[in-house]
Amino acid sequence: MRPRSEPVYPVCTFQEADYRFGAGPLRMTIEYVDWSHPVQYDSETWYEIVGVEQTETGREVGRRRALVRARQLPSRPLP
């Protein structure tokens, strides 16, 4: 499945310990979560997300992929 062109989820902020790889909090508008390919890391489930990274003021930084701890993700949207 390819990422959607419009956000499906609200803007989310992930703390440094809840995503791989980067430094400091990650603020993103999530466009796609790869629910079909969970990754086991540090004895937990993680998912790859794709979206647009934003600054604290809401300025778009650019497209970004990240691996995020499952328990920090918003619920799956309804089809």
C-alpha atoms as a PDB file:
ATOM      1  CA  MET A   1       0.000   0.000   0.000  1.00  0.00           C
ATOM      2  CA  ARG A   2       1.243   3.481  -0.827  1.00  0.00           C
ATOM      3  CA  PRO A   3       1.043   6.473   1.502  1.00  0.00           C
ATOM      4  CA  ARG A   4      -2.033   8.661   1.162  1.00  0.00           C
ATOM      5  CA  SER A   5      -1.656  12.218   0.001  1.00  0.00           C
ATOM      6  CA  GLU A   6      -3.772  13.625   2.829  1.00  0.00           C
ATOM      7  CA  PRO A   7      -3.396  13.102   6.589  1.00  0.00           C
ATOM      8  CA  VAL A   8      -5.518  10.398   8.178  1.00  0.00           C
ATOM      9  CA  TYR A   9      -4.432  11.121  11.736  1.00  0.00           C
ATOM     10  CA  PRO A  10      -4.013  14.293  13.793  1.00  0.00           C
ATOM     11  CA  VAL A  11      -0.569  15.787  14.331  1.00  0.00           C
ATOM     12  CA  CYS A  12       1.292  13.519  16.764  1.00  0.00           C
ATOM     13  CA  THR A  13       4.340  14.193  18.900  1.00  0.00           C
ATOM     14  CA  PHE A  14       6.608  11.271  19.766  1.00  0.00           C
ATOM     15  CA  GLN A  15       9.271  11.465  22.447  1.00  0.00           C
ATOM     16  CA  GLU A  16      12.800  10.438  21.490  1.00  0.00           C
ATOM     17  CA  ALA A  17      12.476   7.053  23.226  1.00  0.00           C
ATOM     18  CA  ASP A  18       9.299   6.248  21.265  1.00  0.00           C
ATOM     19  CA  TYR A  19      10.669   6.461  17.723  1.00  0.00           C
ATOM     20  CA  ARG A  20      13.734   5.364  15.796  1.00  0.00           C
ATOM     21  CA  PHE A  21      15.977   7.120  14.766  1.00  0.00           C
ATOM     22  CA  GLY A  22      16.467  10.747  15.690  1.00  0.00           C
ATOM     23  CA  ALA A  23      17.127  13.187  18.490  1.00  0.00           C
ATOM     24  CA  GLY A  24      14.528  15.092  20.478  1.00  0.00           C
ATOM     25  CA  PRO A  25      10.748  14.981  20.067  1.00  0.00           C
ATOM     26  CA  LEU A  26       9.324  14.184  16.630  1.00  0.00           C
ATOM     27  CA  ARG A  27       6.174  16.068  15.599  1.00  0.00           C
ATOM     28  CA  MET A  28       4.438  14.647  12.516  1.00  0.00           C
ATOM     29  CA  THR A  29       1.243  14.663  10.561  1.00  0.00           C
ATOM     30  CA  ILE A  30       0.894  10.942   9.898  1.00  0.00           C
ATOM     31  CA  GLU A  31      -0.286  10.013   6.411  1.00  0.00           C
ATOM     32  CA  TYR A  32       0.307   6.262   6.532  1.00  0.00           C
ATOM     33  CA  VAL A  33       0.995   3.519   9.065  1.00  0.00           C
ATOM     34  CA  ASP A  34       2.255   0.186   7.745  1.00  0.00           C
ATOM     35  CA  TRP A  35      -0.016  -1.899   9.981  1.00  0.00           C
ATOM     36  CA  SER A  36       0.676  -5.061   7.955  1.00  0.00           C
ATOM     37  CA  HIS A  37       4.393  -5.208   8.822  1.00  0.00           C
ATOM     38  CA  PRO A  38       4.963  -4.891  12.568  1.00  0.00           C
ATOM     39  CA  VAL A  39       8.590  -4.901  13.719  1.00  0.00           C
ATOM     40  CA  GLN A  40       9.806  -6.434  16.974  1.00  0.00           C
ATOM     41  CA  TYR A  41      12.387  -4.165  18.617  1.00  0.00           C
ATOM     42  CA  ASP A  42      13.381  -3.994  22.295  1.00  0.00           C
ATOM     43  CA  SER A  43      10.769  -6.703  23.033  1.00  0.00           C
ATOM     44  CA  GLU A  44       7.974  -4.422  21.790  1.00  0.00           C
ATOM     45  CA  THR A  45       5.985  -3.964  18.593  1.00  0.00           C
ATOM     46  CA  TRP A  46       6.821  -0.980  16.389  1.00  0.00           C
ATOM     47  CA  TYR A  47       5.358   0.248  13.073  1.00  0.00           C
ATOM     48  CA  GLU A  48       6.777   2.286  10.231  1.00  0.00           C
ATOM     49  CA  ILE A  49       4.963   5.573   9.666  1.00  0.00           C
ATOM     50  CA  VAL A  50       5.152   8.057   6.806  1.00  0.00           C
ATOM     51  CA  GLY A  51       4.116  11.670   7.017  1.00  0.00           C
ATOM     52  CA  VAL A  52       5.205  15.279   7.188  1.00  0.00           C
ATOM     53  CA  GLU A  53       7.464  16.425  10.000  1.00  0.00           C
ATOM     54  CA  GLN A  54       6.565  19.757  11.586  1.00  0.00           C
ATOM     55  CA  THR A  55       8.209  22.239  13.910  1.00  0.00           C
ATOM     56  CA  GLU A  56       6.562  23.213  17.213  1.00  0.00           C
ATOM     57  CA  THR A  57       5.060  26.230  15.449  1.00  0.00           C
ATOM     58  CA  GLY A  58       3.478  24.056  12.725  1.00  0.00           C
ATOM     59  CA  ARG A  59       5.919  24.847   9.905  1.00  0.00           C
ATOM     60  CA  GLU A  60       6.400  21.836   7.622  1.00  0.00           C
ATOM     61  CA  VAL A  61       9.950  20.484   7.611  1.00  0.00           C
ATOM     62  CA  GLY A  62       9.427  17.801   4.967  1.00  0.00           C
ATOM     63  CA  ARG A  63       8.390  14.207   4.370  1.00  0.00           C
ATOM     64  CA  ARG A  64       9.679  11.677   6.851  1.00  0.00           C
ATOM     65  CA  ARG A  65       9.606   7.985   7.668  1.00  0.00           C
ATOM     66  CA  ALA A  66      10.037   6.730  11.201  1.00  0.00           C
ATOM     67  CA  LEU A  67       9.710   3.553  13.208  1.00  0.00           C
ATOM     68  CA  VAL A  68       7.341   4.237  16.127  1.00  0.00           C
ATOM     69  CA  ARG A  69       6.470   2.256  19.242  1.00  0.00           C
ATOM     70  CA  ALA A  70       2.991   0.728  18.704  1.00  0.00           C
ATOM     71  CA  ARG A  71       1.566   1.891  22.022  1.00  0.00           C
ATOM     72  CA  GLN A  72       2.281   5.522  21.073  1.00  0.00           C
ATOM     73  CA  LEU A  73       0.315   5.432  17.806  1.00  0.00           C
ATOM     74  CA  PRO A  74      -3.281   6.646  17.511  1.00  0.00           C
ATOM     75  CA  SER A  75      -5.916   3.978  16.876  1.00  0.00           C
ATOM     76  CA  ARG A  76      -6.367   2.618  13.388  1.00  0.00           C
ATOM     77  CA  PRO A  77      -8.842   4.667  11.362  1.00  0.00           C
ATOM     78  CA  LEU A  78     -12.061   3.047  10.215  1.00  0.00           C
ATOM     79  CA  PRO A  79     -12.069   2.007   6.516  1.00  0.00           C
END
